[in-house]
Amino acid sequence: MNRRIVRTVLYIIAFAAVIACAVFAYNYLSANFVDGGESADFSDVPAGSVDTDKSGQTSEAGETAPDFTVIDTDGNEVSLSDFAGKPVIINFWATWCGPCKIELPDFDSLYAEYADDVVFLMINLTDGRRDTVESVKKFVSDSGYTFPVYFDTGSSAADAYNIYSIPVTVAVYPDGTVAKRRTGALGSADIEALINLISQ
């Protein structure tokens, strides 16, 4: 009888260990691979938690949104802090990312509807290889998108938000704190819910 109990306990411990390993592997792969298994090769992004950057800032709800600097289509520097006092939707994307391309039409439609009330920072991860400033401009023009595109050529934004997988959308309240961070493609209703959350 005692042997049977010991054997059962050992089976339970072994099963729990297998489950723990599976959860760890899933979280690791989710954080490091994007778009059907393609590695997110952002060499300048620091290692660590997906929600904490190298300076200790976070992009979790209630925390101050980390600042960053990107460039616009005219080559001018633009920072998140330039939009202090306004609700902001930040979206990290790339042309080679399938889920990103799925959600872009909804972002464009909602930009057309809410552009007067909400700032949209559509940040392309411009790595100079898969996406260049010129190739992204052509993609946006050919697709007929009207939302403003910003180019993260120096990985300032990717570093600040520790972007390992895309798309990622961050909603920021007018006071500069993070309302919500979402990873993965969003539908129109999801995006509008974020807009309503930061516009109240």
N, C-alpha and C. Protein backbone atom coordinates (compact mmCIF):
# COMPACT_ATOMS: atom_id res chain seq x y z
N MET A 1 0.82 -1.21 0.00
CA MET A 1 0.00 0.00 0.00
C MET A 1 0.86 1.26 0.00
N ASN A 2 1.90 1.27 0.84
CA ASN A 2 2.77 2.43 0.91
C ASN A 2 3.49 2.65 -0.41
N ARG A 3 3.91 1.54 -1.05
CA ARG A 3 4.60 1.68 -2.34
C ARG A 3 3.67 2.29 -3.39
N ARG A 4 2.43 1.89 -3.37
CA ARG A 4 1.46 2.43 -4.32
C ARG A 4 1.28 3.93 -4.11
N ILE A 5 1.23 4.38 -2.87
CA ILE A 5 1.08 5.81 -2.57
C ILE A 5 2.31 6.58 -3.02
N VAL A 6 3.48 6.03 -2.73
CA VAL A 6 4.73 6.68 -3.13
C VAL A 6 4.80 6.80 -4.65
N ARG A 7 4.43 5.71 -5.35
CA ARG A 7 4.45 5.72 -6.81
C ARG A 7 3.48 6.76 -7.36
N THR A 8 2.31 6.86 -6.77
CA THR A 8 1.32 7.84 -7.22
C THR A 8 1.84 9.26 -7.01
N VAL A 9 2.44 9.51 -5.86
CA VAL A 9 2.99 10.84 -5.58
C VAL A 9 4.09 11.17 -6.58
N LEU A 10 4.95 10.22 -6.90
CA LEU A 10 6.02 10.44 -7.87
C LEU A 10 5.45 10.75 -9.26
N TYR A 11 4.39 10.03 -9.64
CA TYR A 11 3.74 10.31 -10.93
C TYR A 11 3.19 11.74 -10.97
N ILE A 12 2.59 12.16 -9.87
CA ILE A 12 2.02 13.51 -9.81
C ILE A 12 3.11 14.56 -9.91
N ILE A 13 4.22 14.34 -9.22
CA ILE A 13 5.35 15.28 -9.27
C ILE A 13 5.92 15.35 -10.69
N ALA A 14 6.08 14.18 -11.32
CA ALA A 14 6.61 14.14 -12.69
C ALA A 14 5.67 14.86 -13.65
N PHE A 15 4.37 14.65 -13.49
CA PHE A 15 3.39 15.30 -14.36
C PHE A 15 3.45 16.82 -14.18
N ALA A 16 3.56 17.28 -12.93
CA ALA A 16 3.65 18.71 -12.66
C ALA A 16 4.91 19.30 -13.28
N ALA A 17 6.02 18.55 -13.24
CA ALA A 17 7.27 19.03 -13.84
C ALA A 17 7.13 19.16 -15.35
N VAL A 18 6.45 18.21 -15.99
CA VAL A 18 6.23 18.28 -17.44
C VAL A 18 5.39 19.50 -17.80
N ILE A 19 4.34 19.76 -17.03
CA ILE A 19 3.49 20.92 -17.28
C ILE A 19 4.29 22.21 -17.11
N ALA A 20 5.11 22.29 -16.06
CA ALA A 20 5.91 23.49 -15.82
C ALA A 20 6.88 23.75 -16.97
N CYS A 21 7.50 22.69 -17.48
CA CYS A 21 8.42 22.83 -18.62
C CYS A 21 7.68 23.29 -19.87
N ALA A 22 6.48 22.76 -20.08
CA ALA A 22 5.70 23.15 -21.26
C ALA A 22 5.30 24.62 -21.19
N VAL A 23 4.90 25.10 -20.01
CA VAL A 23 4.53 26.51 -19.85
C VAL A 23 5.74 27.40 -20.08
N PHE A 24 6.89 27.01 -19.53
CA PHE A 24 8.11 27.80 -19.73
C PHE A 24 8.47 27.87 -21.20
N ALA A 25 8.41 26.73 -21.90
CA ALA A 25 8.76 26.70 -23.32
C ALA A 25 7.80 27.56 -24.14
N TYR A 26 6.51 27.50 -23.83
CA TYR A 26 5.53 28.29 -24.55
C TYR A 26 5.81 29.78 -24.37
N ASN A 27 6.04 30.20 -23.12
CA ASN A 27 6.30 31.61 -22.86
C ASN A 27 7.58 32.08 -23.55
N TYR A 28 8.60 31.25 -23.55
CA TYR A 28 9.87 31.62 -24.19
C TYR A 28 9.68 31.78 -25.69
N LEU A 29 9.01 30.81 -26.33
CA LEU A 29 8.81 30.88 -27.78
C LEU A 29 7.89 32.04 -28.14
N SER A 30 6.86 32.29 -27.34
CA SER A 30 5.94 33.39 -27.63
C SER A 30 6.65 34.73 -27.59
N ALA A 31 7.60 34.85 -26.67
CA ALA A 31 8.30 36.13 -26.51
C ALA A 31 9.38 36.34 -27.56
N ASN A 32 9.84 35.28 -28.19
CA ASN A 32 10.99 35.41 -29.07
C ASN A 32 10.74 35.12 -30.54
N PHE A 33 9.53 34.70 -30.90
CA PHE A 33 9.23 34.41 -32.28
C PHE A 33 7.95 35.09 -32.71
N VAL A 34 7.92 35.53 -33.98
CA VAL A 34 6.75 36.24 -34.50
C VAL A 34 6.40 35.73 -35.88
N ASP A 35 5.17 36.02 -36.29
CA ASP A 35 4.74 35.81 -37.67
C ASP A 35 5.02 34.39 -38.16
N GLY A 36 4.39 33.43 -37.48
CA GLY A 36 4.50 32.06 -37.93
C GLY A 36 5.86 31.45 -37.71
N GLY A 37 6.59 31.89 -36.70
CA GLY A 37 7.86 31.26 -36.38
C GLY A 37 9.07 32.04 -36.82
N GLU A 38 8.91 33.17 -37.49
CA GLU A 38 10.06 33.95 -37.91
C GLU A 38 10.63 34.69 -36.71
N SER A 39 11.92 34.57 -36.50
CA SER A 39 12.55 35.19 -35.35
C SER A 39 12.47 36.71 -35.45
N ALA A 40 12.13 37.35 -34.34
CA ALA A 40 12.09 38.80 -34.29
C ALA A 40 13.51 39.31 -34.08
N ASP A 41 14.21 39.61 -35.15
CA ASP A 41 15.63 39.93 -35.09
C ASP A 41 15.85 41.42 -34.87
N PHE A 42 15.62 41.86 -33.62
CA PHE A 42 15.87 43.23 -33.26
C PHE A 42 17.12 43.22 -32.40
N SER A 43 18.29 43.34 -33.01
CA SER A 43 19.55 43.13 -32.30
C SER A 43 19.80 44.14 -31.20
N ASP A 44 19.19 45.32 -31.27
CA ASP A 44 19.43 46.35 -30.27
C ASP A 44 18.51 46.26 -29.07
N VAL A 45 17.53 45.33 -29.12
CA VAL A 45 16.59 45.23 -28.01
C VAL A 45 17.25 44.48 -26.86
N PRO A 46 17.24 45.05 -25.64
CA PRO A 46 17.90 44.40 -24.51
C PRO A 46 17.16 43.16 -24.06
N ALA A 47 17.90 42.24 -23.45
CA ALA A 47 17.28 41.03 -22.92
C ALA A 47 16.53 41.37 -21.65
N GLY A 48 15.54 40.54 -21.32
CA GLY A 48 14.81 40.75 -20.07
C GLY A 48 13.33 40.60 -20.28
N SER A 49 12.56 41.09 -19.34
CA SER A 49 11.11 41.01 -19.39
C SER A 49 10.57 41.75 -20.59
N VAL A 50 9.49 41.22 -21.17
CA VAL A 50 8.92 41.88 -22.34
C VAL A 50 8.27 43.21 -21.99
N ASP A 51 8.09 43.49 -20.71
CA ASP A 51 7.44 44.74 -20.32
C ASP A 51 8.37 45.72 -19.60
N THR A 52 9.65 45.42 -19.52
CA THR A 52 10.57 46.31 -18.83
C THR A 52 11.76 46.60 -19.70
N ASP A 53 12.13 47.87 -19.83
CA ASP A 53 13.28 48.21 -20.65
C ASP A 53 14.53 48.30 -19.80
N LYS A 54 15.67 48.61 -20.42
CA LYS A 54 16.95 48.55 -19.72
C LYS A 54 17.09 49.63 -18.66
N SER A 55 16.26 50.65 -18.69
CA SER A 55 16.35 51.69 -17.67
C SER A 55 15.41 51.43 -16.51
N GLY A 56 14.66 50.34 -16.58
CA GLY A 56 13.75 50.00 -15.50
C GLY A 56 12.35 50.55 -15.71
N GLN A 57 12.12 51.32 -16.78
CA GLN A 57 10.78 51.81 -17.06
C GLN A 57 9.93 50.63 -17.53
N THR A 58 8.63 50.78 -17.41
CA THR A 58 7.75 49.69 -17.83
C THR A 58 6.67 50.22 -18.75
N SER A 59 6.00 49.28 -19.42
CA SER A 59 4.86 49.64 -20.23
C SER A 59 3.62 48.91 -19.72
N GLU A 60 3.59 48.69 -18.41
CA GLU A 60 2.44 48.06 -17.80
C GLU A 60 1.41 49.11 -17.44
N ALA A 61 0.15 48.68 -17.36
CA ALA A 61 -0.92 49.61 -17.03
C ALA A 61 -0.63 50.34 -15.73
N GLY A 62 -0.82 51.66 -15.73
CA GLY A 62 -0.61 52.47 -14.56
C GLY A 62 0.78 53.06 -14.45
N GLU A 63 1.72 52.55 -15.23
CA GLU A 63 3.09 53.07 -15.20
C GLU A 63 3.24 54.18 -16.23
N THR A 64 4.23 55.04 -16.03
CA THR A 64 4.51 56.09 -17.01
C THR A 64 4.99 55.45 -18.32
N ALA A 65 4.41 55.88 -19.42
CA ALA A 65 4.82 55.34 -20.72
C ALA A 65 6.23 55.81 -21.04
N PRO A 66 7.16 54.89 -21.32
CA PRO A 66 8.53 55.29 -21.65
C PRO A 66 8.57 56.18 -22.89
N ASP A 67 9.39 57.22 -22.84
CA ASP A 67 9.53 58.11 -23.98
C ASP A 67 10.45 57.48 -25.02
N PHE A 68 10.37 57.95 -26.24
CA PHE A 68 11.23 57.47 -27.33
C PHE A 68 11.23 58.52 -28.43
N THR A 69 12.14 58.36 -29.36
CA THR A 69 12.22 59.27 -30.50
C THR A 69 12.29 58.47 -31.79
N VAL A 70 11.43 58.80 -32.73
CA VAL A 70 11.40 58.17 -34.05
C VAL A 70 11.43 59.29 -35.09
N ILE A 71 11.40 58.92 -36.37
CA ILE A 71 11.35 59.97 -37.40
C ILE A 71 10.07 59.83 -38.21
N ASP A 72 9.58 60.97 -38.70
CA ASP A 72 8.37 60.94 -39.53
C ASP A 72 8.76 60.81 -41.00
N THR A 73 7.77 60.89 -41.87
CA THR A 73 8.02 60.68 -43.30
C THR A 73 8.87 61.78 -43.93
N ASP A 74 8.99 62.92 -43.24
CA ASP A 74 9.83 64.01 -43.73
C ASP A 74 11.23 63.99 -43.12
N GLY A 75 11.49 62.99 -42.28
CA GLY A 75 12.80 62.89 -41.65
C GLY A 75 12.94 63.68 -40.36
N ASN A 76 11.84 64.25 -39.87
CA ASN A 76 11.88 65.01 -38.62
C ASN A 76 11.78 64.08 -37.41
N GLU A 77 12.49 64.42 -36.34
CA GLU A 77 12.40 63.64 -35.11
C GLU A 77 11.09 63.93 -34.39
N VAL A 78 10.46 62.86 -33.91
CA VAL A 78 9.21 62.97 -33.17
C VAL A 78 9.33 62.10 -31.93
N SER A 79 8.92 62.65 -30.78
CA SER A 79 8.98 61.90 -29.53
C SER A 79 7.58 61.72 -28.96
N LEU A 80 7.40 60.68 -28.19
CA LEU A 80 6.11 60.48 -27.52
C LEU A 80 5.78 61.68 -26.64
N SER A 81 6.78 62.24 -25.99
CA SER A 81 6.56 63.37 -25.09
C SER A 81 6.04 64.61 -25.81
N ASP A 82 6.18 64.65 -27.14
CA ASP A 82 5.62 65.77 -27.92
C ASP A 82 4.10 65.83 -27.83
N PHE A 83 3.49 64.71 -27.45
CA PHE A 83 2.03 64.62 -27.43
C PHE A 83 1.47 64.58 -26.01
N ALA A 84 2.23 65.11 -25.07
CA ALA A 84 1.78 65.17 -23.68
C ALA A 84 0.44 65.88 -23.59
N GLY A 85 -0.46 65.32 -22.79
CA GLY A 85 -1.79 65.90 -22.62
C GLY A 85 -2.82 65.37 -23.60
N LYS A 86 -2.39 64.46 -24.50
CA LYS A 86 -3.31 63.89 -25.48
C LYS A 86 -3.34 62.36 -25.34
N PRO A 87 -4.49 61.75 -25.62
CA PRO A 87 -4.54 60.29 -25.63
C PRO A 87 -3.77 59.77 -26.85
N VAL A 88 -3.00 58.70 -26.65
CA VAL A 88 -2.14 58.20 -27.72
C VAL A 88 -2.32 56.69 -27.89
N ILE A 89 -2.42 56.28 -29.14
CA ILE A 89 -2.38 54.86 -29.50
C ILE A 89 -1.05 54.62 -30.21
N ILE A 90 -0.22 53.73 -29.63
CA ILE A 90 1.05 53.37 -30.24
C ILE A 90 0.91 51.97 -30.81
N ASN A 91 1.28 51.80 -32.08
CA ASN A 91 1.25 50.47 -32.69
C ASN A 91 2.60 50.16 -33.30
N PHE A 92 3.19 49.04 -32.90
CA PHE A 92 4.46 48.58 -33.46
C PHE A 92 4.16 47.54 -34.54
N TRP A 93 4.72 47.73 -35.73
CA TRP A 93 4.40 46.85 -36.85
C TRP A 93 5.57 46.80 -37.84
N ALA A 94 5.44 45.89 -38.81
CA ALA A 94 6.41 45.78 -39.90
C ALA A 94 5.69 45.21 -41.12
N THR A 95 6.20 45.49 -42.30
CA THR A 95 5.53 45.02 -43.52
C THR A 95 5.64 43.52 -43.70
N TRP A 96 6.66 42.90 -43.09
CA TRP A 96 6.86 41.45 -43.24
C TRP A 96 6.06 40.64 -42.23
N CYS A 97 5.32 41.34 -41.35
CA CYS A 97 4.55 40.68 -40.29
C CYS A 97 3.11 40.47 -40.75
N GLY A 98 2.72 39.23 -40.96
CA GLY A 98 1.37 38.91 -41.42
C GLY A 98 0.28 39.44 -40.52
N PRO A 99 0.31 39.17 -39.20
CA PRO A 99 -0.73 39.70 -38.31
C PRO A 99 -0.80 41.22 -38.32
N CYS A 100 0.35 41.87 -38.51
CA CYS A 100 0.34 43.34 -38.59
C CYS A 100 -0.49 43.80 -39.78
N LYS A 101 -0.25 43.16 -40.92
CA LYS A 101 -0.95 43.57 -42.15
C LYS A 101 -2.45 43.31 -42.04
N ILE A 102 -2.83 42.33 -41.24
CA ILE A 102 -4.26 42.05 -41.05
C ILE A 102 -4.96 43.19 -40.32
N GLU A 103 -4.28 43.78 -39.32
CA GLU A 103 -4.94 44.80 -38.51
C GLU A 103 -4.80 46.22 -39.06
N LEU A 104 -3.86 46.45 -39.99
CA LEU A 104 -3.63 47.81 -40.48
C LEU A 104 -4.86 48.47 -41.10
N PRO A 105 -5.69 47.76 -41.89
CA PRO A 105 -6.89 48.43 -42.43
C PRO A 105 -7.83 48.96 -41.34
N ASP A 106 -7.95 48.22 -40.23
CA ASP A 106 -8.80 48.69 -39.13
C ASP A 106 -8.19 49.91 -38.46
N PHE A 107 -6.87 49.91 -38.29
CA PHE A 107 -6.22 51.09 -37.74
C PHE A 107 -6.44 52.30 -38.64
N ASP A 108 -6.35 52.08 -39.95
CA ASP A 108 -6.53 53.19 -40.88
C ASP A 108 -7.95 53.75 -40.81
N SER A 109 -8.94 52.87 -40.76
CA SER A 109 -10.34 53.32 -40.68
C SER A 109 -10.60 54.10 -39.40
N LEU A 110 -10.06 53.61 -38.28
CA LEU A 110 -10.29 54.29 -37.01
C LEU A 110 -9.47 55.56 -36.90
N TYR A 111 -8.32 55.60 -37.55
CA TYR A 111 -7.57 56.85 -37.61
C TYR A 111 -8.41 57.93 -38.31
N ALA A 112 -9.03 57.56 -39.42
CA ALA A 112 -9.86 58.52 -40.16
C ALA A 112 -11.01 59.03 -39.30
N GLU A 113 -11.50 58.18 -38.40
CA GLU A 113 -12.64 58.56 -37.57
C GLU A 113 -12.22 59.36 -36.33
N TYR A 114 -11.08 59.03 -35.75
CA TYR A 114 -10.70 59.61 -34.46
C TYR A 114 -9.47 60.51 -34.50
N ALA A 115 -8.96 60.82 -35.67
CA ALA A 115 -7.70 61.59 -35.78
C ALA A 115 -7.74 62.93 -35.06
N ASP A 116 -8.91 63.53 -34.94
CA ASP A 116 -9.01 64.84 -34.28
C ASP A 116 -8.93 64.73 -32.76
N ASP A 117 -9.16 63.52 -32.24
CA ASP A 117 -9.24 63.35 -30.79
C ASP A 117 -8.11 62.50 -30.20
N VAL A 118 -7.53 61.64 -31.02
CA VAL A 118 -6.52 60.70 -30.52
C VAL A 118 -5.31 60.73 -31.44
N VAL A 119 -4.11 60.68 -30.85
CA VAL A 119 -2.87 60.62 -31.62
C VAL A 119 -2.58 59.16 -31.95
N PHE A 120 -2.33 58.88 -33.21
CA PHE A 120 -1.94 57.54 -33.65
C PHE A 120 -0.46 57.55 -34.02
N LEU A 121 0.33 56.76 -33.31
CA LEU A 121 1.75 56.61 -33.64
C LEU A 121 1.94 55.21 -34.20
N MET A 122 1.89 55.11 -35.51
CA MET A 122 2.05 53.83 -36.20
C MET A 122 3.54 53.65 -36.48
N ILE A 123 4.20 52.92 -35.59
CA ILE A 123 5.66 52.85 -35.60
C ILE A 123 6.15 51.60 -36.32
N ASN A 124 6.80 51.84 -37.47
CA ASN A 124 7.38 50.74 -38.23
C ASN A 124 8.77 50.42 -37.66
N LEU A 125 9.03 49.13 -37.45
CA LEU A 125 10.34 48.69 -36.97
C LEU A 125 11.28 48.63 -38.17
N THR A 126 11.84 49.76 -38.49
CA THR A 126 12.64 49.93 -39.71
C THR A 126 14.07 49.46 -39.46
N ASP A 127 14.31 48.17 -39.76
CA ASP A 127 15.61 47.58 -39.46
C ASP A 127 16.65 47.79 -40.56
N GLY A 128 16.24 48.41 -41.69
CA GLY A 128 17.18 48.66 -42.78
C GLY A 128 17.41 47.48 -43.69
N ARG A 129 16.82 46.35 -43.38
CA ARG A 129 16.94 45.15 -44.21
C ARG A 129 15.58 44.73 -44.74
N ARG A 130 14.75 44.20 -43.85
CA ARG A 130 13.41 43.79 -44.29
C ARG A 130 12.52 44.99 -44.53
N ASP A 131 12.68 46.02 -43.72
CA ASP A 131 11.94 47.27 -43.91
C ASP A 131 12.92 48.43 -43.94
N THR A 132 12.83 49.22 -45.01
CA THR A 132 13.58 50.47 -45.11
C THR A 132 12.57 51.61 -45.17
N VAL A 133 13.04 52.83 -44.95
CA VAL A 133 12.13 53.98 -45.00
C VAL A 133 11.43 54.02 -46.35
N GLU A 134 12.18 53.86 -47.42
CA GLU A 134 11.58 53.95 -48.76
C GLU A 134 10.62 52.81 -49.05
N SER A 135 10.97 51.58 -48.68
CA SER A 135 10.09 50.45 -48.96
C SER A 135 8.79 50.54 -48.15
N VAL A 136 8.88 51.07 -46.93
CA VAL A 136 7.68 51.22 -46.11
C VAL A 136 6.79 52.33 -46.66
N LYS A 137 7.39 53.43 -47.09
CA LYS A 137 6.60 54.50 -47.71
C LYS A 137 5.84 53.97 -48.92
N LYS A 138 6.51 53.15 -49.73
CA LYS A 138 5.86 52.58 -50.91
C LYS A 138 4.72 51.64 -50.50
N PHE A 139 4.96 50.81 -49.48
CA PHE A 139 3.93 49.89 -48.99
C PHE A 139 2.70 50.66 -48.53
N VAL A 140 2.91 51.71 -47.75
CA VAL A 140 1.79 52.50 -47.22
C VAL A 140 1.05 53.19 -48.35
N SER A 141 1.79 53.75 -49.31
CA SER A 141 1.17 54.42 -50.44
C SER A 141 0.37 53.45 -51.30
N ASP A 142 0.98 52.31 -51.61
CA ASP A 142 0.31 51.30 -52.44
C ASP A 142 -0.95 50.76 -51.76
N SER A 143 -0.93 50.71 -50.42
CA SER A 143 -2.07 50.18 -49.66
C SER A 143 -3.15 51.23 -49.46
N GLY A 144 -2.84 52.51 -49.74
CA GLY A 144 -3.82 53.57 -49.59
C GLY A 144 -4.05 53.99 -48.15
N TYR A 145 -3.11 53.69 -47.26
CA TYR A 145 -3.29 54.06 -45.86
C TYR A 145 -3.03 55.56 -45.66
N THR A 146 -3.82 56.14 -44.76
CA THR A 146 -3.69 57.58 -44.50
C THR A 146 -3.12 57.88 -43.11
N PHE A 147 -2.99 56.85 -42.26
CA PHE A 147 -2.45 57.10 -40.93
C PHE A 147 -0.99 57.54 -41.02
N PRO A 148 -0.53 58.33 -40.05
CA PRO A 148 0.86 58.78 -40.06
C PRO A 148 1.80 57.63 -39.68
N VAL A 149 2.87 57.49 -40.43
CA VAL A 149 3.84 56.43 -40.17
C VAL A 149 5.11 57.05 -39.59
N TYR A 150 5.65 56.38 -38.60
CA TYR A 150 6.90 56.81 -37.97
C TYR A 150 7.89 55.65 -38.07
N PHE A 151 9.16 56.00 -38.25
CA PHE A 151 10.19 55.00 -38.52
C PHE A 151 11.14 54.87 -37.33
N ASP A 152 11.21 53.68 -36.78
CA ASP A 152 12.07 53.43 -35.62
C ASP A 152 13.44 52.94 -36.11
N THR A 153 14.14 53.82 -36.80
CA THR A 153 15.42 53.43 -37.42
C THR A 153 16.53 53.24 -36.39
N GLY A 154 16.40 53.86 -35.24
CA GLY A 154 17.43 53.73 -34.21
C GLY A 154 17.03 52.80 -33.07
N SER A 155 15.92 52.10 -33.22
CA SER A 155 15.39 51.17 -32.21
C SER A 155 15.06 51.85 -30.88
N SER A 156 14.87 53.17 -30.90
CA SER A 156 14.53 53.88 -29.67
C SER A 156 13.21 53.38 -29.08
N ALA A 157 12.21 53.25 -29.94
CA ALA A 157 10.90 52.81 -29.46
C ALA A 157 10.91 51.33 -29.10
N ALA A 158 11.54 50.51 -29.95
CA ALA A 158 11.62 49.07 -29.67
C ALA A 158 12.34 48.81 -28.36
N ASP A 159 13.40 49.57 -28.09
CA ASP A 159 14.13 49.44 -26.83
C ASP A 159 13.24 49.84 -25.65
N ALA A 160 12.58 50.97 -25.78
CA ALA A 160 11.78 51.51 -24.68
C ALA A 160 10.66 50.57 -24.28
N TYR A 161 10.10 49.84 -25.26
CA TYR A 161 8.97 48.95 -24.97
C TYR A 161 9.35 47.48 -25.07
N ASN A 162 10.64 47.21 -25.21
CA ASN A 162 11.15 45.85 -25.25
C ASN A 162 10.33 44.97 -26.21
N ILE A 163 10.30 45.38 -27.45
CA ILE A 163 9.49 44.69 -28.44
C ILE A 163 10.22 43.44 -28.96
N TYR A 164 9.65 42.29 -28.65
CA TYR A 164 10.18 41.01 -29.12
C TYR A 164 9.27 40.37 -30.14
N SER A 165 7.99 40.64 -30.06
CA SER A 165 7.04 40.09 -31.02
C SER A 165 6.07 41.19 -31.41
N ILE A 166 5.60 41.13 -32.63
CA ILE A 166 4.68 42.15 -33.13
C ILE A 166 3.50 41.47 -33.82
N PRO A 167 2.39 42.19 -33.93
CA PRO A 167 2.16 43.58 -33.53
C PRO A 167 1.96 43.74 -32.02
N VAL A 168 2.30 44.93 -31.55
CA VAL A 168 2.04 45.33 -30.17
C VAL A 168 1.36 46.69 -30.21
N THR A 169 0.30 46.84 -29.43
CA THR A 169 -0.42 48.11 -29.34
C THR A 169 -0.44 48.57 -27.89
N VAL A 170 -0.08 49.82 -27.68
CA VAL A 170 -0.07 50.39 -26.33
C VAL A 170 -0.97 51.62 -26.33
N ALA A 171 -1.92 51.65 -25.40
CA ALA A 171 -2.81 52.80 -25.25
C ALA A 171 -2.31 53.64 -24.07
N VAL A 172 -2.16 54.96 -24.30
CA VAL A 172 -1.59 55.85 -23.29
C VAL A 172 -2.60 56.95 -22.95
N TYR A 173 -2.86 57.10 -21.66
CA TYR A 173 -3.75 58.17 -21.20
C TYR A 173 -3.13 59.54 -21.46
N PRO A 174 -3.94 60.59 -21.48
CA PRO A 174 -3.41 61.96 -21.65
C PRO A 174 -2.38 62.35 -20.60
N ASP A 175 -2.44 61.74 -19.41
CA ASP A 175 -1.47 62.08 -18.36
C ASP A 175 -0.14 61.35 -18.55
N GLY A 176 -0.02 60.57 -19.62
CA GLY A 176 1.23 59.90 -19.92
C GLY A 176 1.41 58.54 -19.29
N THR A 177 0.39 58.02 -18.65
CA THR A 177 0.48 56.68 -18.09
C THR A 177 -0.14 55.66 -19.04
N VAL A 178 0.34 54.43 -18.94
CA VAL A 178 -0.13 53.36 -19.82
C VAL A 178 -1.50 52.90 -19.36
N ALA A 179 -2.45 52.85 -20.28
CA ALA A 179 -3.78 52.32 -19.98
C ALA A 179 -3.81 50.82 -20.19
N LYS A 180 -3.25 50.37 -21.32
CA LYS A 180 -3.24 48.94 -21.62
C LYS A 180 -2.23 48.65 -22.71
N ARG A 181 -1.62 47.46 -22.65
CA ARG A 181 -0.71 46.96 -23.68
C ARG A 181 -1.28 45.66 -24.21
N ARG A 182 -1.39 45.55 -25.53
CA ARG A 182 -1.92 44.34 -26.16
C ARG A 182 -0.92 43.81 -27.18
N THR A 183 -0.68 42.51 -27.16
CA THR A 183 0.18 41.86 -28.14
C THR A 183 -0.67 41.00 -29.05
N GLY A 184 -0.41 41.07 -30.35
CA GLY A 184 -1.18 40.31 -31.32
C GLY A 184 -2.10 41.20 -32.12
N ALA A 185 -2.60 40.67 -33.23
CA ALA A 185 -3.46 41.44 -34.12
C ALA A 185 -4.78 41.77 -33.43
N LEU A 186 -5.20 43.02 -33.56
CA LEU A 186 -6.46 43.47 -32.97
C LEU A 186 -7.49 43.72 -34.06
N GLY A 187 -8.74 43.49 -33.72
CA GLY A 187 -9.83 43.82 -34.62
C GLY A 187 -10.31 45.23 -34.37
N SER A 188 -11.22 45.69 -35.19
CA SER A 188 -11.73 47.06 -35.09
C SER A 188 -12.33 47.33 -33.71
N ALA A 189 -13.09 46.37 -33.20
CA ALA A 189 -13.74 46.56 -31.89
C ALA A 189 -12.70 46.67 -30.78
N ASP A 190 -11.62 45.88 -30.87
CA ASP A 190 -10.56 45.92 -29.87
C ASP A 190 -9.87 47.28 -29.86
N ILE A 191 -9.57 47.77 -31.05
CA ILE A 191 -8.87 49.07 -31.16
C ILE A 191 -9.78 50.19 -30.65
N GLU A 192 -11.05 50.12 -31.04
CA GLU A 192 -11.99 51.17 -30.61
C GLU A 192 -12.17 51.16 -29.09
N ALA A 193 -12.13 49.96 -28.49
CA ALA A 193 -12.22 49.88 -27.04
C ALA A 193 -11.04 50.57 -26.37
N LEU A 194 -9.85 50.42 -26.95
CA LEU A 194 -8.68 51.11 -26.41
C LEU A 194 -8.82 52.63 -26.56
N ILE A 195 -9.32 53.04 -27.71
CA ILE A 195 -9.54 54.47 -27.95
C ILE A 195 -10.51 55.04 -26.93
N ASN A 196 -11.61 54.34 -26.70
CA ASN A 196 -12.61 54.81 -25.74
C ASN A 196 -12.04 54.84 -24.32
N LEU A 197 -11.18 53.86 -24.00
CA LEU A 197 -10.58 53.79 -22.67
C LEU A 197 -9.75 55.03 -22.36
N ILE A 198 -8.96 55.49 -23.33
CA ILE A 198 -8.06 56.62 -23.07
C ILE A 198 -8.69 57.97 -23.39
N SER A 199 -9.89 57.97 -23.94
CA SER A 199 -10.54 59.22 -24.33
C SER A 199 -11.55 59.71 -23.31
N GLN A 200 -11.78 58.94 -22.26
CA GLN A 200 -12.81 59.31 -21.28
C GLN A 200 -12.32 60.41 -20.36
